[in-house]
Structures are given as structure tokens and as C-alpha cells.
C-alpha atoms as a PDB file:
ATOM      1  CA  MET A   1     285.946 150.488 147.518  1.00  0.00           C
ATOM      2  CA  GLY A   2     283.867 153.638 147.954  1.00  0.00           C
ATOM      3  CA  ASP A   3     280.461 153.991 146.309  1.00  0.00           C
ATOM      4  CA  ALA A   4     279.536 156.232 143.362  1.00  0.00           C
ATOM      5  CA  ASN A   5     278.548 159.042 145.706  1.00  0.00           C
ATOM      6  CA  ASP A   6     282.228 159.518 146.559  1.00  0.00           C
ATOM      7  CA  PHE A   7     283.130 160.544 142.992  1.00  0.00           C
ATOM      8  CA  GLN A   8     284.207 164.100 142.132  1.00  0.00           C
ATOM      9  CA  ARG A   9     284.313 165.277 145.704  1.00  0.00           C
ATOM     10  CA  PHE A  10     287.484 167.305 145.293  1.00  0.00           C
ATOM     11  CA  SER A  11     287.237 170.458 143.204  1.00  0.00           C
ATOM     12  CA  GLY A  12     290.093 172.554 144.561  1.00  0.00           C
ATOM     13  CA  THR A  13     289.958 175.008 147.455  1.00  0.00           C
ATOM     14  CA  PRO A  14     290.023 178.801 147.722  1.00  0.00           C
ATOM     15  CA  GLY A  15     293.712 178.563 148.626  1.00  0.00           C
ATOM     16  CA  TYR A  16     294.794 176.157 145.870  1.00  0.00           C
ATOM     17  CA  ILE A  17     293.987 176.671 142.193  1.00  0.00           C
ATOM     18  CA  ALA A  18     293.990 173.204 140.635  1.00  0.00           C
ATOM     19  CA  SER A  19     293.760 172.602 136.895  1.00  0.00           C
ATOM     20  CA  GLY A  20     290.949 170.448 135.526  1.00  0.00           C
ATOM     21  CA  PRO A  21     293.236 167.477 134.775  1.00  0.00           C
ATOM     22  CA  LEU A  22     294.695 167.616 138.301  1.00  0.00           C
ATOM     23  CA  VAL A  23     291.223 167.640 139.857  1.00  0.00           C
ATOM     24  CA  ASP A  24     290.312 164.657 137.665  1.00  0.00           C
ATOM     25  CA  ALA A  25     293.449 162.780 138.762  1.00  0.00           C
ATOM     26  CA  VAL A  26     292.683 163.374 142.455  1.00  0.00           C
ATOM     27  CA  ASN A  27     289.122 162.165 142.059  1.00  0.00           C
ATOM     28  CA  CYS A  28     290.181 159.159 139.998  1.00  0.00           C
ATOM     29  CA  ALA A  29     292.643 158.070 142.701  1.00  0.00           C
ATOM     30  CA  TYR A  30     290.024 158.736 145.377  1.00  0.00           C
ATOM     31  CA  ALA A  31     287.358 156.685 143.591  1.00  0.00           C
ATOM     32  CA  LEU A  32     289.669 153.764 142.749  1.00  0.00           C
ATOM     33  CA  GLU A  33     291.370 153.903 146.163  1.00  0.00           C
ATOM     34  CA  ARG A  34     294.795 153.943 144.536  1.00  0.00           C
ATOM     35  CA  PRO A  35     297.797 156.075 145.515  1.00  0.00           C
ATOM     36  CA  LEU A  36     298.107 159.285 143.502  1.00  0.00           C
ATOM     37  CA  LEU A  37     301.670 159.848 142.263  1.00  0.00           C
ATOM     38  CA  ILE A  38     302.364 163.519 141.542  1.00  0.00           C
ATOM     39  CA  LYS A  39     305.374 164.743 139.595  1.00  0.00           C
ATOM     40  CA  GLY A  40     306.296 168.192 138.311  1.00  0.00           C
ATOM     41  CA  GLU A  41     308.855 170.951 138.561  1.00  0.00           C
ATOM     42  CA  PRO A  42     309.900 171.988 142.075  1.00  0.00           C
ATOM     43  CA  GLY A  43     307.702 174.846 143.234  1.00  0.00           C
ATOM     44  CA  THR A  44     304.561 173.790 141.342  1.00  0.00           C
ATOM     45  CA  GLY A  45     302.622 172.901 144.487  1.00  0.00           C
ATOM     46  CA  LYS A  46     303.005 169.120 144.666  1.00  0.00           C
ATOM     47  CA  THR A  47     303.416 168.969 148.443  1.00  0.00           C
ATOM     48  CA  LEU A  48     300.849 171.707 149.031  1.00  0.00           C
ATOM     49  CA  LEU A  49     298.281 169.693 147.084  1.00  0.00           C
ATOM     50  CA  ALA A  50     297.928 167.120 149.880  1.00  0.00           C
ATOM     51  CA  ARG A  51     297.007 169.766 152.455  1.00  0.00           C
ATOM     52  CA  HIS A  52     294.331 171.172 150.197  1.00  0.00           C
ATOM     53  CA  VAL A  53     292.976 167.757 149.233  1.00  0.00           C
ATOM     54  CA  ALA A  54     292.597 167.089 152.964  1.00  0.00           C
ATOM     55  CA  GLU A  55     290.858 170.442 153.350  1.00  0.00           C
ATOM     56  CA  GLY A  56     288.629 169.866 150.329  1.00  0.00           C
ATOM     57  CA  LEU A  57     287.646 166.352 151.430  1.00  0.00           C
ATOM     58  CA  GLU A  58     287.381 167.442 155.077  1.00  0.00           C
ATOM     59  CA  MET A  59     289.830 164.795 156.271  1.00  0.00           C
ATOM     60  CA  PRO A  60     292.814 164.947 158.648  1.00  0.00           C
ATOM     61  CA  LEU A  61     296.271 165.074 157.037  1.00  0.00           C
ATOM     62  CA  LEU A  62     299.235 162.903 157.979  1.00  0.00           C
ATOM     63  CA  SER A  63     302.613 163.725 156.408  1.00  0.00           C
ATOM     64  CA  TRP A  64     305.622 161.477 155.879  1.00  0.00           C
ATOM     65  CA  HIS A  65     308.539 163.524 154.547  1.00  0.00           C
ATOM     66  CA  ILE A  66     311.060 161.111 153.052  1.00  0.00           C
ATOM     67  CA  LYS A  67     314.813 161.478 153.550  1.00  0.00           C
ATOM     68  CA  SER A  68     317.743 159.592 152.068  1.00  0.00           C
ATOM     69  CA  THR A  69     317.916 157.530 155.280  1.00  0.00           C
ATOM     70  CA  SER A  70     314.187 156.715 155.418  1.00  0.00           C
ATOM     71  CA  LYS A  71     313.122 153.078 155.522  1.00  0.00           C
ATOM     72  CA  ALA A  72     309.702 151.782 154.541  1.00  0.00           C
ATOM     73  CA  ALA A  73     309.307 150.049 157.903  1.00  0.00           C
ATOM     74  CA  ASP A  74     309.619 153.421 159.678  1.00  0.00           C
ATOM     75  CA  GLY A  75     306.350 154.490 158.091  1.00  0.00           C
ATOM     76  CA  LEU A  76     304.592 151.524 159.707  1.00  0.00           C
ATOM     77  CA  TYR A  77     306.029 151.524 163.214  1.00  0.00           C
ATOM     78  CA  VAL A  78     309.199 151.833 165.263  1.00  0.00           C
ATOM     79  CA  TYR A  79     310.093 149.711 168.266  1.00  0.00           C
ATOM     80  CA  ASP A  80     311.881 152.031 170.679  1.00  0.00           C
ATOM     81  CA  THR A  81     314.417 149.620 172.153  1.00  0.00           C
ATOM     82  CA  VAL A  82     316.570 152.442 173.523  1.00  0.00           C
ATOM     83  CA  GLN A  83     313.733 153.846 175.632  1.00  0.00           C
ATOM     84  CA  ARG A  84     312.854 150.375 176.897  1.00  0.00           C
ATOM     85  CA  LEU A  85     316.476 149.757 177.868  1.00  0.00           C
ATOM     86  CA  ASN A  86     316.663 153.077 179.703  1.00  0.00           C
ATOM     87  CA  ASP A  87     313.411 152.347 181.538  1.00  0.00           C
ATOM     88  CA  SER A  88     314.689 148.920 182.573  1.00  0.00           C
ATOM     89  CA  ARG A  89     317.880 150.462 183.931  1.00  0.00           C
ATOM     90  CA  PHE A  90     316.380 153.474 185.673  1.00  0.00           C
ATOM     91  CA  GLY A  91     312.975 152.150 186.665  1.00  0.00           C
ATOM     92  CA  GLY A  92     310.727 154.167 184.375  1.00  0.00           C
ATOM     93  CA  GLY A  93     307.723 152.755 182.509  1.00  0.00           C
ATOM     94  CA  ASP A  94     306.263 149.251 182.271  1.00  0.00           C
ATOM     95  CA  VAL A  95     309.049 147.414 180.452  1.00  0.00           C
ATOM     96  CA  ALA A  96     307.134 144.130 180.591  1.00  0.00           C
ATOM     97  CA  ASP A  97     304.613 145.439 178.049  1.00  0.00           C
ATOM     98  CA  ILE A  98     306.367 145.898 174.712  1.00  0.00           C
ATOM     99  CA  ARG A  99     303.359 147.756 173.356  1.00  0.00           C
ATOM    100  CA  ASN A 100     304.408 150.758 175.438  1.00  0.00           C
ATOM    101  CA  TYR A 101     307.452 151.077 173.174  1.00  0.00           C
ATOM    102  CA  ILE A 102     305.751 150.698 169.803  1.00  0.00           C
ATOM    103  CA  ARG A 103     305.381 154.005 167.956  1.00  0.00           C
ATOM    104  CA  LEU A 104     303.231 153.974 164.842  1.00  0.00           C
ATOM    105  CA  GLY A 105     304.642 155.822 161.846  1.00  0.00           C
ATOM    106  CA  PRO A 106     302.522 157.992 159.514  1.00  0.00           C
ATOM    107  CA  LEU A 107     301.382 155.019 157.404  1.00  0.00           C
ATOM    108  CA  GLY A 108     300.601 152.980 160.500  1.00  0.00           C
ATOM    109  CA  GLN A 109     298.676 155.908 162.023  1.00  0.00           C
ATOM    110  CA  SER A 110     296.577 156.263 158.877  1.00  0.00           C
ATOM    111  CA  PHE A 111     295.666 152.560 159.081  1.00  0.00           C
ATOM    112  CA  ALA A 112     294.828 152.693 162.784  1.00  0.00           C
ATOM    113  CA  ALA A 113     292.749 155.889 162.590  1.00  0.00           C
ATOM    114  CA  GLU A 114     289.011 155.666 163.157  1.00  0.00           C
ATOM    115  CA  ASP A 115     288.270 158.116 160.345  1.00  0.00           C
ATOM    116  CA  ARG A 116     289.617 158.276 156.820  1.00  0.00           C
ATOM    117  CA  GLN A 117     292.846 160.242 156.479  1.00  0.00           C
ATOM    118  CA  VAL A 118     294.840 161.874 153.702  1.00  0.00           C
ATOM    119  CA  LEU A 119     298.405 160.554 153.809  1.00  0.00           C
ATOM    120  CA  LEU A 120     301.205 162.489 152.094  1.00  0.00           C
ATOM    121  CA  ILE A 121     304.364 160.523 151.227  1.00  0.00           C
ATOM    122  CA  ASP A 122     306.545 163.426 150.197  1.00  0.00           C
ATOM    123  CA  GLU A 123     309.542 163.140 147.830  1.00  0.00           C
ATOM    124  CA  ILE A 124     309.587 159.362 147.685  1.00  0.00           C
ATOM    125  CA  ASP A 125     312.493 159.468 145.229  1.00  0.00           C
ATOM    126  CA  LYS A 126     314.850 160.695 147.969  1.00  0.00           C
ATOM    127  CA  ALA A 127     314.966 157.210 149.512  1.00  0.00           C
ATOM    128  CA  ASP A 128     316.902 154.224 148.190  1.00  0.00           C
ATOM    129  CA  LEU A 129     315.731 152.260 145.155  1.00  0.00           C
ATOM    130  CA  GLU A 130     314.055 149.507 147.181  1.00  0.00           C
ATOM    131  CA  PHE A 131     311.952 151.884 149.273  1.00  0.00           C
ATOM    132  CA  PRO A 132     308.894 151.986 146.946  1.00  0.00           C
ATOM    133  CA  ASN A 133     308.917 148.204 146.464  1.00  0.00           C
ATOM    134  CA  ASP A 134     309.043 147.714 150.226  1.00  0.00           C
ATOM    135  CA  LEU A 135     305.681 149.492 150.490  1.00  0.00           C
ATOM    136  CA  LEU A 136     303.859 147.487 147.817  1.00  0.00           C
ATOM    137  CA  LEU A 137     302.218 144.875 150.024  1.00  0.00           C
ATOM    138  CA  GLU A 138     301.096 147.333 152.684  1.00  0.00           C
ATOM    139  CA  LEU A 139     299.672 149.783 150.146  1.00  0.00           C
ATOM    140  CA  ASP A 140     297.858 146.947 148.369  1.00  0.00           C
ATOM    141  CA  GLU A 141     296.405 145.219 151.405  1.00  0.00           C
ATOM    142  CA  MET A 142     296.313 148.178 153.810  1.00  0.00           C
ATOM    143  CA  ARG A 143     297.463 146.017 156.701  1.00  0.00           C
ATOM    144  CA  PHE A 144     300.668 145.000 158.453  1.00  0.00           C
ATOM    145  CA  THR A 145     301.767 143.045 161.511  1.00  0.00           C
ATOM    146  CA  ILE A 146     303.786 144.357 164.433  1.00  0.00           C
ATOM    147  CA  ILE A 147     306.305 141.543 164.752  1.00  0.00           C
ATOM    148  CA  GLU A 148     307.165 142.185 168.403  1.00  0.00           C
ATOM    149  CA  THR A 149     303.541 141.839 169.578  1.00  0.00           C
ATOM    150  CA  ASP A 150     302.068 139.757 166.722  1.00  0.00           C
ATOM    151  CA  GLU A 151     299.343 142.407 166.441  1.00  0.00           C
ATOM    152  CA  GLU A 152     297.809 143.081 163.046  1.00  0.00           C
ATOM    153  CA  ILE A 153     296.993 146.680 162.130  1.00  0.00           C
ATOM    154  CA  LYS A 154     294.358 146.778 159.403  1.00  0.00           C
ATOM    155  CA  ALA A 155     292.990 149.972 157.888  1.00  0.00           C
ATOM    156  CA  ARG A 156     289.508 150.761 159.153  1.00  0.00           C
ATOM    157  CA  GLN A 157     289.185 153.342 156.395  1.00  0.00           C
ATOM    158  CA  ARG A 158     291.509 153.175 153.399  1.00  0.00           C
ATOM    159  CA  PRO A 159     293.544 156.430 153.447  1.00  0.00           C
ATOM    160  CA  VAL A 160     293.773 158.760 150.461  1.00  0.00           C
ATOM    161  CA  VAL A 161     297.474 158.410 149.616  1.00  0.00           C
ATOM    162  CA  ILE A 162     299.272 161.209 147.758  1.00  0.00           C
ATOM    163  CA  ILE A 163     302.888 160.578 146.770  1.00  0.00           C
ATOM    164  CA  THR A 164     305.205 163.233 145.354  1.00  0.00           C
ATOM    165  CA  SER A 165     308.408 162.781 143.363  1.00  0.00           C
ATOM    166  CA  ASN A 166     310.959 165.187 141.897  1.00  0.00           C
ATOM    167  CA  ASN A 167     312.310 162.559 139.485  1.00  0.00           C
ATOM    168  CA  GLU A 168     315.632 162.247 141.316  1.00  0.00           C
ATOM    169  CA  LYS A 169     315.375 158.483 140.801  1.00  0.00           C
ATOM    170  CA  GLU A 170     313.320 156.239 138.554  1.00  0.00           C
ATOM    171  CA  LEU A 171     310.534 154.477 140.423  1.00  0.00           C
ATOM    172  CA  PRO A 172     310.013 150.712 139.931  1.00  0.00           C
ATOM    173  CA  ASP A 173     307.441 149.607 137.349  1.00  0.00           C
ATOM    174  CA  ALA A 174     305.661 147.411 139.891  1.00  0.00           C
ATOM    175  CA  PHE A 175     305.144 150.478 142.071  1.00  0.00           C
ATOM    176  CA  LEU A 176     304.020 152.671 139.175  1.00  0.00           C
ATOM    177  CA  ARG A 177     301.412 150.112 138.100  1.00  0.00           C
ATOM    178  CA  ARG A 178     299.640 150.560 141.422  1.00  0.00           C
ATOM    179  CA  CYS A 179     299.426 154.357 141.199  1.00  0.00           C
ATOM    180  CA  ILE A 180     297.300 156.903 139.424  1.00  0.00           C
ATOM    181  CA  PHE A 181     299.820 159.276 137.829  1.00  0.00           C
ATOM    182  CA  HIS A 182     299.663 162.995 137.154  1.00  0.00           C
ATOM    183  CA  PHE A 183     302.352 165.425 136.025  1.00  0.00           C
ATOM    184  CA  ILE A 184     301.659 169.015 137.062  1.00  0.00           C
ATOM    185  CA  ASP A 185     302.367 171.106 133.976  1.00  0.00           C
ATOM    186  CA  PHE A 186     303.824 174.520 134.606  1.00  0.00           C
ATOM    187  CA  PRO A 187     300.919 177.015 134.736  1.00  0.00           C
ATOM    188  CA  ASP A 188     300.268 179.130 131.670  1.00  0.00           C
ATOM    189  CA  ALA A 189     299.809 182.872 132.105  1.00  0.00           C
ATOM    190  CA  GLU A 190     296.029 182.667 132.548  1.00  0.00           C
ATOM    191  CA  LEU A 191     296.235 180.050 135.298  1.00  0.00           C
ATOM    192  CA  MET A 192     299.156 181.894 136.879  1.00  0.00           C
ATOM    193  CA  ARG A 193     297.028 185.030 137.211  1.00  0.00           C
ATOM    194  CA  ARG A 194     294.516 183.037 139.235  1.00  0.00           C
ATOM    195  CA  ILE A 195     297.271 181.550 141.398  1.00  0.00           C
ATOM    196  CA  VAL A 196     298.796 184.971 142.060  1.00  0.00           C
ATOM    197  CA  ASP A 197     295.367 186.339 142.968  1.00  0.00           C
ATOM    198  CA  VAL A 198     295.102 183.773 145.782  1.00  0.00           C
ATOM    199  CA  HIS A 199     298.320 185.079 147.350  1.00  0.00           C
ATOM    200  CA  HIS A 200     298.146 188.741 146.283  1.00  0.00           C
ATOM    201  CA  PRO A 201     294.491 189.660 145.788  1.00  0.00           C
ATOM    202  CA  HIS A 202     293.639 192.963 144.139  1.00  0.00           C
ATOM    203  CA  LEU A 203     297.111 193.371 142.641  1.00  0.00           C
ATOM    204  CA  ASP A 204     297.170 196.169 140.097  1.00  0.00           C
ATOM    205  CA  ALA A 205     296.524 194.612 136.672  1.00  0.00           C
ATOM    206  CA  THR A 206     299.230 196.636 134.896  1.00  0.00           C
ATOM    207  CA  LEU A 207     301.801 195.738 137.554  1.00  0.00           C
ATOM    208  CA  LEU A 208     300.812 192.066 137.336  1.00  0.00           C
ATOM    209  CA  ASP A 209     301.278 192.162 133.567  1.00  0.00           C
ATOM    210  CA  GLN A 210     304.819 193.500 133.916  1.00  0.00           C
ATOM    211  CA  VAL A 211     305.653 190.955 136.596  1.00  0.00           C
ATOM    212  CA  LEU A 212     304.404 188.035 134.516  1.00  0.00           C
ATOM    213  CA  ILE A 213     306.086 189.269 131.326  1.00  0.00           C
ATOM    214  CA  LYS A 214     309.470 189.393 133.080  1.00  0.00           C
ATOM    215  CA  PHE A 215     308.846 186.055 134.806  1.00  0.00           C
ATOM    216  CA  TYR A 216     307.956 184.118 131.657  1.00  0.00           C
ATOM    217  CA  TRP A 217     310.774 185.795 129.746  1.00  0.00           C
ATOM    218  CA  LEU A 218     313.235 184.554 132.368  1.00  0.00           C
ATOM    219  CA  ARG A 219     311.849 181.034 132.076  1.00  0.00           C
ATOM    220  CA  GLU A 220     312.486 181.149 128.308  1.00  0.00           C
ATOM    221  CA  GLN A 221     316.217 181.861 128.743  1.00  0.00           C
ATOM    222  CA  SER A 222     318.075 178.705 127.748  1.00  0.00           C
ATOM    223  CA  GLU A 223     321.180 179.687 129.757  1.00  0.00           C
ATOM    224  CA  LEU A 224     319.374 179.300 133.079  1.00  0.00           C
ATOM    225  CA  ARG A 225     320.102 176.093 134.976  1.00  0.00           C
ATOM    226  CA  LYS A 226     317.161 176.545 137.343  1.00  0.00           C
ATOM    227  CA  LYS A 227     314.113 178.307 136.014  1.00  0.00           C
ATOM    228  CA  PRO A 228     312.147 180.374 138.532  1.00  0.00           C
ATOM    229  CA  SER A 229     309.108 178.552 139.903  1.00  0.00           C
ATOM    230  CA  THR A 230     305.636 179.586 140.997  1.00  0.00           C
ATOM    231  CA  SER A 231     306.660 179.850 144.657  1.00  0.00           C
ATOM    232  CA  GLU A 232     309.566 182.122 143.692  1.00  0.00           C
ATOM    233  CA  LEU A 233     307.217 184.325 141.657  1.00  0.00           C
ATOM    234  CA  ILE A 234     304.968 184.748 144.694  1.00  0.00           C
ATOM    235  CA  ASP A 235     307.986 185.696 146.835  1.00  0.00           C
ATOM    236  CA  TRP A 236     309.201 188.145 144.196  1.00  0.00           C
ATOM    237  CA  ILE A 237     305.845 189.917 144.087  1.00  0.00           C
ATOM    238  CA  SER A 238     305.921 190.178 147.892  1.00  0.00           C
ATOM    239  CA  ALA A 239     309.353 191.821 147.710  1.00  0.00           C
ATOM    240  CA  LEU A 240     308.183 194.270 145.035  1.00  0.00           C
ATOM    241  CA  LEU A 241     305.084 195.257 146.974  1.00  0.00           C
ATOM    242  CA  ARG A 242     306.933 195.741 150.257  1.00  0.00           C
ATOM    243  CA  SER A 243     309.609 197.882 148.616  1.00  0.00           C
ATOM    244  CA  GLY A 244     307.092 200.090 146.825  1.00  0.00           C
ATOM    245  CA  ILE A 245     309.042 199.913 143.549  1.00  0.00           C
ATOM    246  CA  SER A 246     307.291 201.743 140.729  1.00  0.00           C
ATOM    247  CA  GLN A 247     305.941 200.070 137.638  1.00  0.00           C
ATOM    248  CA  ASP A 248     308.428 202.026 135.493  1.00  0.00           C
ATOM    249  CA  LYS A 249     311.378 200.391 137.250  1.00  0.00           C
ATOM    250  CA  ILE A 250     309.908 196.944 136.665  1.00  0.00           C
ATOM    251  CA  GLU A 251     309.454 197.752 132.962  1.00  0.00           C
ATOM    252  CA  SER A 252     313.106 198.677 132.523  1.00  0.00           C
ATOM    253  CA  HIS A 253     314.822 195.953 134.572  1.00  0.00           C
ATOM    254  CA  ILE A 254     314.261 193.087 137.012  1.00  0.00           C
ATOM    255  CA  PRO A 255     314.735 194.209 140.634  1.00  0.00           C
ATOM    256  CA  PHE A 256     315.309 191.789 143.521  1.00  0.00           C
ATOM    257  CA  LEU A 257     316.616 189.164 141.133  1.00  0.00           C
ATOM    258  CA  GLY A 258     317.732 187.024 144.069  1.00  0.00           C
ATOM    259  CA  ALA A 259     314.090 186.192 144.786  1.00  0.00           C
ATOM    260  CA  LEU A 260     313.833 184.552 141.356  1.00  0.00           C
ATOM    261  CA  LEU A 261     317.265 183.124 140.522  1.00  0.00           C
ATOM    262  CA  LYS A 262     318.932 180.808 143.024  1.00  0.00           C
ATOM    263  CA  LYS A 263     322.116 179.782 141.225  1.00  0.00           C
ATOM    264  CA  GLU A 264     325.248 181.877 140.833  1.00  0.00           C
ATOM    265  CA  GLN A 265     325.628 180.855 137.183  1.00  0.00           C
ATOM    266  CA  ASP A 266     322.105 182.070 136.397  1.00  0.00           C
ATOM    267  CA  ALA A 267     322.698 185.452 138.018  1.00  0.00           C
ATOM    268  CA  GLU A 268     325.961 185.769 136.065  1.00  0.00           C
ATOM    269  CA  ALA A 269     324.172 184.925 132.810  1.00  0.00           C
ATOM    270  CA  LEU A 270     321.720 187.762 133.388  1.00  0.00           C
ATOM    271  CA  ALA A 271     324.553 190.121 134.342  1.00  0.00           C
ATOM    272  CA  ARG A 272     326.221 189.345 131.001  1.00  0.00           C
ATOM    273  CA  TYR A 273     322.931 190.095 129.257  1.00  0.00           C
ATOM    274  CA  ASP A 274     322.865 193.507 130.959  1.00  0.00           C
ATOM    275  CA  GLU A 275     326.501 194.204 130.032  1.00  0.00           C
ATOM    276  CA  LYS A 276     325.708 193.577 126.379  1.00  0.00           C
ATOM    277  CA  GLY A 277     322.890 196.118 126.529  1.00  0.00           C
ATOM    278  CA  GLY A 278     320.137 193.545 126.341  1.00  0.00           C
ATOM    279  CA  LYS A 279     316.583 194.839 126.471  1.00  0.00           C
ATOM    280  CA  TYR A 280     313.935 193.421 128.755  1.00  0.00           C
ATOM    281  CA  PRO A 281     310.464 192.785 127.325  1.00  0.00           C
ATOM    282  CA  SER A 282     307.719 195.179 128.386  1.00  0.00           C
ATOM    283  CA  SER A 283     304.759 193.704 126.480  1.00  0.00           C
ATOM    284  CA  TRP A 284     303.426 190.224 125.806  1.00  0.00           C
ATOM    285  CA  SER A 285     304.140 190.641 122.097  1.00  0.00           C
ATOM    286  CA  ASP A 286     307.853 190.907 122.960  1.00  0.00           C
ATOM    287  CA  LEU A 287     307.699 187.255 124.083  1.00  0.00           C
ATOM    288  CA  GLY A 288     306.436 186.028 120.728  1.00  0.00           C
ATOM    289  CA  PRO A 289     303.131 184.637 119.421  1.00  0.00           C
ATOM    290  CA  ARG A 290     302.991 181.929 122.071  1.00  0.00           C
ATOM    291  CA  TYR A 291     302.303 184.580 124.698  1.00  0.00           C
ATOM    292  CA  ASN A 292     299.988 186.852 122.736  1.00  0.00           C
ATOM    293  CA  GLN A 293     297.248 187.967 125.117  1.00  0.00           C
END
């Protein structure tokens, strides 16, 4: 367990605007040496958080991007039997020493590292239901044994573990009990201005207003199956700036809609809105009292 001087070391970075509650969650997990489980809408910066925590804490980053075929053991180590067989057949390598064919996975590397690391376990809910439970012992004790060599790998410095989930599957209660949890709320307009400023500094304030008004209006449309995310907003602004579209055109319609909407049904819903003569909002008051600036 780290000492009190380790508390509140992360406060965000110039490239990542973190809310107060998110900063608190990171520091809580860091102080208690527990995994931090991050959930939230796609595009809210869950994966990006790990890179900036590593930057803010001045630690190396190891990433383990989970797939449907991922196994917990792969994160510890892999015994490359195929390479050993090839070497035995064709005379390459020292096949007598099994250690030459042991490859540490991201979790194993974080344990074996001399210095403390930030470890990202990204989209843990993509794996099968037993995957999180299969990591419980190793995450608790921060050690494991390589069966083939009977060598124990024990963490010299307990890594800062950040786990992301898109809620594709429910995670086991036993796993959740061991984590510090934080849900990244979708940014309000004030926080979104700060996020946009990181990616598009010095953007004209009037243009930014029109962009955000259209963006939040779209997110309010109940017909949409996939609401546009923060990352899609940033891409949309890039498209607008590169095209040189005037502010007047943004006031009257939503150009480059494909940067914001990624489902055919959503694009069709907006096309129907246009056909009916629907009007797009041009001021915050058009969005209702919730968005009054």
C-alpha cells in the first residue's frame, strides 16, 4: 500500500479534461491500490483515460485490448510451443531451456517490471463470462506461477490497473467488489467547450455555439439508435473547419451528417425530419430550459 504522499497525484493533463469525480475516482483507486473500473457511453474517453493517467503519473503504459477470444491466462504469459517445435525440427534456438519460449502478457509484464506501470485492460466485457473471475486471484495477490518452469512472478511495484467496459455483459459481483467504480457521465455543454478547446483551440465562439447547439439537439432526438459521441463531435468540427463552411450554413442545417450519425436508420430519421419541414435550433433557448446558457 502506498503512503499518504501518493494521494491526489492525478489531476488530469493538458490533453484530457477530466471531471472532478473522475479525478477523485482515479486517485481513490491509486491510493487503495484497487483496479479502477470505468464505464460510460462509447466515445466518452474511457480508453484514452489510461494513457493520460500514465502521463499524469509519469508511468509507462501497458495495454491489453480484450477480444471475444481472449483468455485470462494470455494476460499472464504464453508458452510458445509452436516456435519450440519448429526450433527442434530446424535447429534454431535453445530448445532445452523452456524459458526461451515463455512470453509474458501485459499483466505479466506489469508484474515483472522494475518500475510501477499503468495497465489498461480495455473492454473486458468482450470476453466470456468467466474471464473476469479468472483474474481475481492474480489481481488480488499480484503474483502468478509459470507452470512450465515453476517460476513465480511477483509484482515488484503494484501496477495501476484501469479496466474499461461498454456494458455488453454483466460483470460478476465478486469481480466488482474488488474494483473502484466510476461511470463517465456524458459531458454537459460547459465541460464540452473545454474538451473541444483541447482539440480545436481558438475556435470562433459563435461557430462553437452553433456546433454545440446542433450536437446536443441531435442527442435529444428519441428516434436515434446511436447518439453522436464526443469523438464524433471532434471529427465533425474538423470536417467543418477543413471545408470552410460558413456559420450561416450551420445555422440552417447540419452539414457532413455522416461524421455524426453512423446508422442508416438514424440518417433516415433525420431525412424524414427535413422532408416534413422541420426546423433546426439556432439558439440555446430552442433546446429548452435545461440548456439555457
